[in-house]
């Protein structure tokens, strides 16, 4: 669908047209969204599948793998940080975690400093029942200490691998 919808732009760019770099980048971002989860193209407010756990998992190969991985990590007593570049992907992940019964915290660029602090304190508390912590890759590195987690999952890698490395290092891992 992404390729078909943008076929004309791709043909123009293949013909050596100037000024098409932005169009091609937009197409690549759409392809990346498609690889992450097709629900990124849907409206969560009107789509009944958004609240259907099975649909959330089965619509994306990454989610199938994540579901299997998180079940094993939970059984083994691990605590997990999950990074994504896309806030809407964090919304889908949060919905998945809620429907799966996993307790979690979240940190993204829209949160106040106090909200960030409360989320970190919740995860790091000695009696915390939080299993996961969702983070925007770009929101990391701002004095964040999540040392109680022992596993890092980068759900969608940045174009620049240094950004992923910096985000996971900034969590004092």
C-alpha atoms as a PDB file:
ATOM      1  CA  UNK A   1       0.000   0.000   0.000  1.00  0.00           C
ATOM      2  CA  UNK A   2       2.810   2.456   0.890  1.00  0.00           C
ATOM      3  CA  UNK A   3       4.678   1.725  -2.351  1.00  0.00           C
ATOM      4  CA  UNK A   4       1.523   1.810  -4.484  1.00  0.00           C
ATOM      5  CA  UNK A   5       0.349   5.064  -2.926  1.00  0.00           C
ATOM      6  CA  UNK A   6       3.729   6.693  -3.616  1.00  0.00           C
ATOM      7  CA  UNK A   7       4.448   5.088  -6.989  1.00  0.00           C
ATOM      8  CA  UNK A   8       4.462   8.380  -8.915  1.00  0.00           C
ATOM      9  CA  UNK A   9       6.960   9.954  -6.503  1.00  0.00           C
ATOM     10  CA  UNK A  10       9.203   6.907  -6.723  1.00  0.00           C
ATOM     11  CA  UNK A  11       9.161   7.046 -10.510  1.00  0.00           C
ATOM     12  CA  UNK A  12      10.047  10.748 -10.508  1.00  0.00           C
ATOM     13  CA  UNK A  13      12.933  10.121  -8.111  1.00  0.00           C
ATOM     14  CA  UNK A  14      14.157   7.145 -10.164  1.00  0.00           C
ATOM     15  CA  UNK A  15      14.279   9.457 -13.173  1.00  0.00           C
ATOM     16  CA  UNK A  16      16.850  11.623 -11.427  1.00  0.00           C
ATOM     17  CA  UNK A  17      14.487  14.441 -10.517  1.00  0.00           C
ATOM     18  CA  UNK A  18      15.959  17.021  -8.151  1.00  0.00           C
ATOM     19  CA  UNK A  19      14.299  17.921  -4.883  1.00  0.00           C
ATOM     20  CA  UNK A  20      12.878  14.458  -4.330  1.00  0.00           C
ATOM     21  CA  UNK A  21      15.003  13.633  -1.305  1.00  0.00           C
ATOM     22  CA  UNK A  22      12.277  14.756   1.109  1.00  0.00           C
ATOM     23  CA  UNK A  23       9.639  12.682  -0.705  1.00  0.00           C
ATOM     24  CA  UNK A  24      11.823   9.596  -0.602  1.00  0.00           C
ATOM     25  CA  UNK A  25      12.558  10.149   3.091  1.00  0.00           C
ATOM     26  CA  UNK A  26       8.819  10.394   3.803  1.00  0.00           C
ATOM     27  CA  UNK A  27       8.275   7.123   1.947  1.00  0.00           C
ATOM     28  CA  UNK A  28      11.050   5.485   3.975  1.00  0.00           C
ATOM     29  CA  UNK A  29       9.452   6.689   7.221  1.00  0.00           C
ATOM     30  CA  UNK A  30       6.133   5.219   6.100  1.00  0.00           C
ATOM     31  CA  UNK A  31       7.872   1.917   5.310  1.00  0.00           C
ATOM     32  CA  UNK A  32       9.463   1.977   8.759  1.00  0.00           C
ATOM     33  CA  UNK A  33       6.069   2.557  10.349  1.00  0.00           C
ATOM     34  CA  UNK A  34       4.729  -0.379   8.337  1.00  0.00           C
ATOM     35  CA  UNK A  35       7.555  -2.589   9.632  1.00  0.00           C
ATOM     36  CA  UNK A  36       6.843  -1.565  13.229  1.00  0.00           C
ATOM     37  CA  UNK A  37       3.092  -2.035  13.252  1.00  0.00           C
ATOM     38  CA  UNK A  38       0.303  -1.455  10.721  1.00  0.00           C
ATOM     39  CA  UNK A  39      -1.828   0.147  13.451  1.00  0.00           C
ATOM     40  CA  UNK A  40       0.398   3.223  13.037  1.00  0.00           C
ATOM     41  CA  UNK A  41      -1.705   3.927   9.941  1.00  0.00           C
ATOM     42  CA  UNK A  42      -5.025   3.521  11.771  1.00  0.00           C
ATOM     43  CA  UNK A  43      -7.048   5.674  14.133  1.00  0.00           C
ATOM     44  CA  UNK A  44      -6.976   4.120  17.622  1.00  0.00           C
ATOM     45  CA  UNK A  45     -10.109   6.031  18.646  1.00  0.00           C
ATOM     46  CA  UNK A  46     -12.308   4.361  16.020  1.00  0.00           C
ATOM     47  CA  UNK A  47     -10.570   1.044  15.328  1.00  0.00           C
ATOM     48  CA  UNK A  48     -11.923  -1.826  17.448  1.00  0.00           C
ATOM     49  CA  UNK A  49      -8.767  -3.884  16.788  1.00  0.00           C
ATOM     50  CA  UNK A  50      -6.748  -1.402  18.845  1.00  0.00           C
ATOM     51  CA  UNK A  51      -8.265  -2.920  21.989  1.00  0.00           C
ATOM     52  CA  UNK A  52      -8.013  -6.505  20.778  1.00  0.00           C
ATOM     53  CA  UNK A  53      -4.872  -8.122  22.204  1.00  0.00           C
ATOM     54  CA  UNK A  54      -4.762 -10.870  19.600  1.00  0.00           C
ATOM     55  CA  UNK A  55      -5.086  -8.350  16.748  1.00  0.00           C
ATOM     56  CA  UNK A  56      -2.327  -6.163  18.215  1.00  0.00           C
ATOM     57  CA  UNK A  57       0.032  -9.141  18.424  1.00  0.00           C
ATOM     58  CA  UNK A  58      -0.843 -10.915  15.178  1.00  0.00           C
ATOM     59  CA  UNK A  59      -0.779  -7.760  13.016  1.00  0.00           C
ATOM     60  CA  UNK A  60       2.975  -7.357  13.388  1.00  0.00           C
ATOM     61  CA  UNK A  61       5.839  -9.837  13.263  1.00  0.00           C
ATOM     62  CA  UNK A  62       7.750  -7.649  15.703  1.00  0.00           C
ATOM     63  CA  UNK A  63       4.858  -7.856  18.155  1.00  0.00           C
ATOM     64  CA  UNK A  64       4.663 -11.645  17.815  1.00  0.00           C
ATOM     65  CA  UNK A  65       8.341 -11.856  18.730  1.00  0.00           C
ATOM     66  CA  UNK A  66       8.041  -9.253  21.502  1.00  0.00           C
ATOM     67  CA  UNK A  67       5.074 -11.105  23.015  1.00  0.00           C
ATOM     68  CA  UNK A  68       7.035 -14.373  23.173  1.00  0.00           C
ATOM     69  CA  UNK A  69      10.139 -12.631  24.508  1.00  0.00           C
ATOM     70  CA  UNK A  70       8.298 -10.709  27.236  1.00  0.00           C
ATOM     71  CA  UNK A  71       6.518 -13.847  28.460  1.00  0.00           C
ATOM     72  CA  UNK A  72       9.897 -15.558  28.922  1.00  0.00           C
ATOM     73  CA  UNK A  73      11.505 -12.519  30.515  1.00  0.00           C
ATOM     74  CA  UNK A  74       8.592 -12.110  32.941  1.00  0.00           C
ATOM     75  CA  UNK A  75       8.728 -15.789  33.940  1.00  0.00           C
ATOM     76  CA  UNK A  76      12.460 -15.457  34.593  1.00  0.00           C
ATOM     77  CA  UNK A  77      11.973 -12.362  36.787  1.00  0.00           C
ATOM     78  CA  UNK A  78      13.599  -9.797  34.487  1.00  0.00           C
ATOM     79  CA  UNK A  79      12.803  -6.067  34.318  1.00  0.00           C
ATOM     80  CA  UNK A  80      12.687  -4.602  30.808  1.00  0.00           C
ATOM     81  CA  UNK A  81      13.277  -1.236  29.130  1.00  0.00           C
ATOM     82  CA  UNK A  82      11.626  -0.941  25.707  1.00  0.00           C
ATOM     83  CA  UNK A  83      12.713   1.915  23.442  1.00  0.00           C
ATOM     84  CA  UNK A  84      10.892   3.252  20.398  1.00  0.00           C
ATOM     85  CA  UNK A  85      11.485   6.341  18.302  1.00  0.00           C
ATOM     86  CA  UNK A  86       7.784   6.804  17.670  1.00  0.00           C
ATOM     87  CA  UNK A  87       5.445   8.017  20.414  1.00  0.00           C
ATOM     88  CA  UNK A  88       2.491   6.424  18.606  1.00  0.00           C
ATOM     89  CA  UNK A  89       4.350   3.103  18.720  1.00  0.00           C
ATOM     90  CA  UNK A  90       4.722   3.621  22.468  1.00  0.00           C
ATOM     91  CA  UNK A  91       0.927   4.059  22.566  1.00  0.00           C
ATOM     92  CA  UNK A  92       0.477   0.681  20.865  1.00  0.00           C
ATOM     93  CA  UNK A  93       3.030  -0.937  23.173  1.00  0.00           C
ATOM     94  CA  UNK A  94       1.330   0.581  26.223  1.00  0.00           C
ATOM     95  CA  UNK A  95      -2.000  -0.781  25.057  1.00  0.00           C
ATOM     96  CA  UNK A  96      -0.445  -4.205  24.485  1.00  0.00           C
ATOM     97  CA  UNK A  97       1.142  -4.211  27.977  1.00  0.00           C
ATOM     98  CA  UNK A  98      -2.119  -3.136  29.598  1.00  0.00           C
ATOM     99  CA  UNK A  99      -4.166  -5.790  27.789  1.00  0.00           C
ATOM    100  CA  UNK A 100      -1.508  -8.401  28.660  1.00  0.00           C
ATOM    101  CA  UNK A 101      -1.690  -7.519  32.351  1.00  0.00           C
ATOM    102  CA  UNK A 102       1.922  -6.292  32.583  1.00  0.00           C
ATOM    103  CA  UNK A 103       2.556  -3.372  34.916  1.00  0.00           C
ATOM    104  CA  UNK A 104       4.718  -0.670  33.339  1.00  0.00           C
ATOM    105  CA  UNK A 105       5.843   2.924  33.389  1.00  0.00           C
ATOM    106  CA  UNK A 106       6.403   5.261  30.454  1.00  0.00           C
ATOM    107  CA  UNK A 107       8.644   8.187  29.615  1.00  0.00           C
ATOM    108  CA  UNK A 108       8.402  10.349  26.520  1.00  0.00           C
ATOM    109  CA  UNK A 109       9.034  13.972  25.591  1.00  0.00           C
ATOM    110  CA  UNK A 110       5.536  15.107  26.579  1.00  0.00           C
ATOM    111  CA  UNK A 111       6.066  14.364  30.273  1.00  0.00           C
ATOM    112  CA  UNK A 112       6.961  16.925  32.904  1.00  0.00           C
ATOM    113  CA  UNK A 113      10.097  16.556  34.960  1.00  0.00           C
ATOM    114  CA  UNK A 114       7.979  15.519  37.974  1.00  0.00           C
ATOM    115  CA  UNK A 115       6.128  12.848  35.965  1.00  0.00           C
ATOM    116  CA  UNK A 116       9.469  11.471  34.762  1.00  0.00           C
ATOM    117  CA  UNK A 117      10.787  11.354  38.310  1.00  0.00           C
ATOM    118  CA  UNK A 118       7.678   9.574  39.592  1.00  0.00           C
ATOM    119  CA  UNK A 119       7.872   6.972  36.798  1.00  0.00           C
ATOM    120  CA  UNK A 120      11.559   6.286  37.539  1.00  0.00           C
ATOM    121  CA  UNK A 121      10.916   6.051  41.277  1.00  0.00           C
ATOM    122  CA  UNK A 122       8.089   3.597  40.644  1.00  0.00           C
ATOM    123  CA  UNK A 123      10.288   1.274  38.577  1.00  0.00           C
ATOM    124  CA  UNK A 124      13.286   1.542  40.912  1.00  0.00           C
ATOM    125  CA  UNK A 125      11.349   1.141  44.182  1.00  0.00           C
ATOM    126  CA  UNK A 126      12.451  -1.971  46.126  1.00  0.00           C
ATOM    127  CA  UNK A 127       8.883  -3.300  46.203  1.00  0.00           C
ATOM    128  CA  UNK A 128       8.028  -2.268  42.621  1.00  0.00           C
ATOM    129  CA  UNK A 129       5.769  -4.575  40.666  1.00  0.00           C
ATOM    130  CA  UNK A 130       6.566  -2.784  37.375  1.00  0.00           C
ATOM    131  CA  UNK A 131       7.806  -5.182  34.721  1.00  0.00           C
ATOM    132  CA  UNK A 132       8.485  -2.801  31.816  1.00  0.00           C
ATOM    133  CA  UNK A 133       9.444   0.777  31.208  1.00  0.00           C
ATOM    134  CA  UNK A 134       8.560   2.307  27.825  1.00  0.00           C
ATOM    135  CA  UNK A 135      10.828   5.083  26.611  1.00  0.00           C
ATOM    136  CA  UNK A 136      11.051   7.331  23.623  1.00  0.00           C
ATOM    137  CA  UNK A 137      14.594   7.008  22.277  1.00  0.00           C
ATOM    138  CA  UNK A 138      14.808  10.795  22.005  1.00  0.00           C
ATOM    139  CA  UNK A 139      13.603  11.362  25.574  1.00  0.00           C
ATOM    140  CA  UNK A 140      16.433   9.291  27.034  1.00  0.00           C
ATOM    141  CA  UNK A 141      19.600  10.832  28.359  1.00  0.00           C
ATOM    142  CA  UNK A 142      18.044  13.491  30.558  1.00  0.00           C
ATOM    143  CA  UNK A 143      19.308  12.360  33.952  1.00  0.00           C
ATOM    144  CA  UNK A 144      17.488   9.065  33.793  1.00  0.00           C
ATOM    145  CA  UNK A 145      18.433   6.264  36.164  1.00  0.00           C
ATOM    146  CA  UNK A 146      16.719   2.938  35.506  1.00  0.00           C
ATOM    147  CA  UNK A 147      19.322   0.573  36.896  1.00  0.00           C
ATOM    148  CA  UNK A 148      16.710  -1.779  38.339  1.00  0.00           C
ATOM    149  CA  UNK A 149      15.994  -3.003  34.794  1.00  0.00           C
ATOM    150  CA  UNK A 150      18.320  -5.682  33.444  1.00  0.00           C
ATOM    151  CA  UNK A 151      17.129  -6.006  29.830  1.00  0.00           C
ATOM    152  CA  UNK A 152      16.999  -3.420  27.023  1.00  0.00           C
ATOM    153  CA  UNK A 153      14.860  -3.905  23.918  1.00  0.00           C
ATOM    154  CA  UNK A 154      15.137  -1.391  21.085  1.00  0.00           C
ATOM    155  CA  UNK A 155      11.841  -1.916  19.259  1.00  0.00           C
ATOM    156  CA  UNK A 156      12.776   0.214  16.252  1.00  0.00           C
ATOM    157  CA  UNK A 157      16.338   1.203  15.535  1.00  0.00           C
ATOM    158  CA  UNK A 158      17.305   4.730  14.635  1.00  0.00           C
ATOM    159  CA  UNK A 159      18.796   5.453  11.218  1.00  0.00           C
ATOM    160  CA  UNK A 160      21.918   6.413  13.139  1.00  0.00           C
ATOM    161  CA  UNK A 161      22.966   3.514  15.401  1.00  0.00           C
ATOM    162  CA  UNK A 162      24.805   5.972  17.663  1.00  0.00           C
ATOM    163  CA  UNK A 163      21.423   7.351  18.799  1.00  0.00           C
ATOM    164  CA  UNK A 164      20.302   3.902  20.003  1.00  0.00           C
ATOM    165  CA  UNK A 165      23.621   3.327  21.723  1.00  0.00           C
ATOM    166  CA  UNK A 166      23.472   6.710  23.430  1.00  0.00           C
ATOM    167  CA  UNK A 167      19.888   6.119  24.600  1.00  0.00           C
ATOM    168  CA  UNK A 168      20.646   2.720  26.112  1.00  0.00           C
ATOM    169  CA  UNK A 169      23.883   4.000  27.706  1.00  0.00           C
ATOM    170  CA  UNK A 170      22.086   7.018  29.125  1.00  0.00           C
ATOM    171  CA  UNK A 171      19.923   4.695  31.168  1.00  0.00           C
ATOM    172  CA  UNK A 172      23.077   3.926  33.181  1.00  0.00           C
ATOM    173  CA  UNK A 173      22.970   0.325  31.972  1.00  0.00           C
END
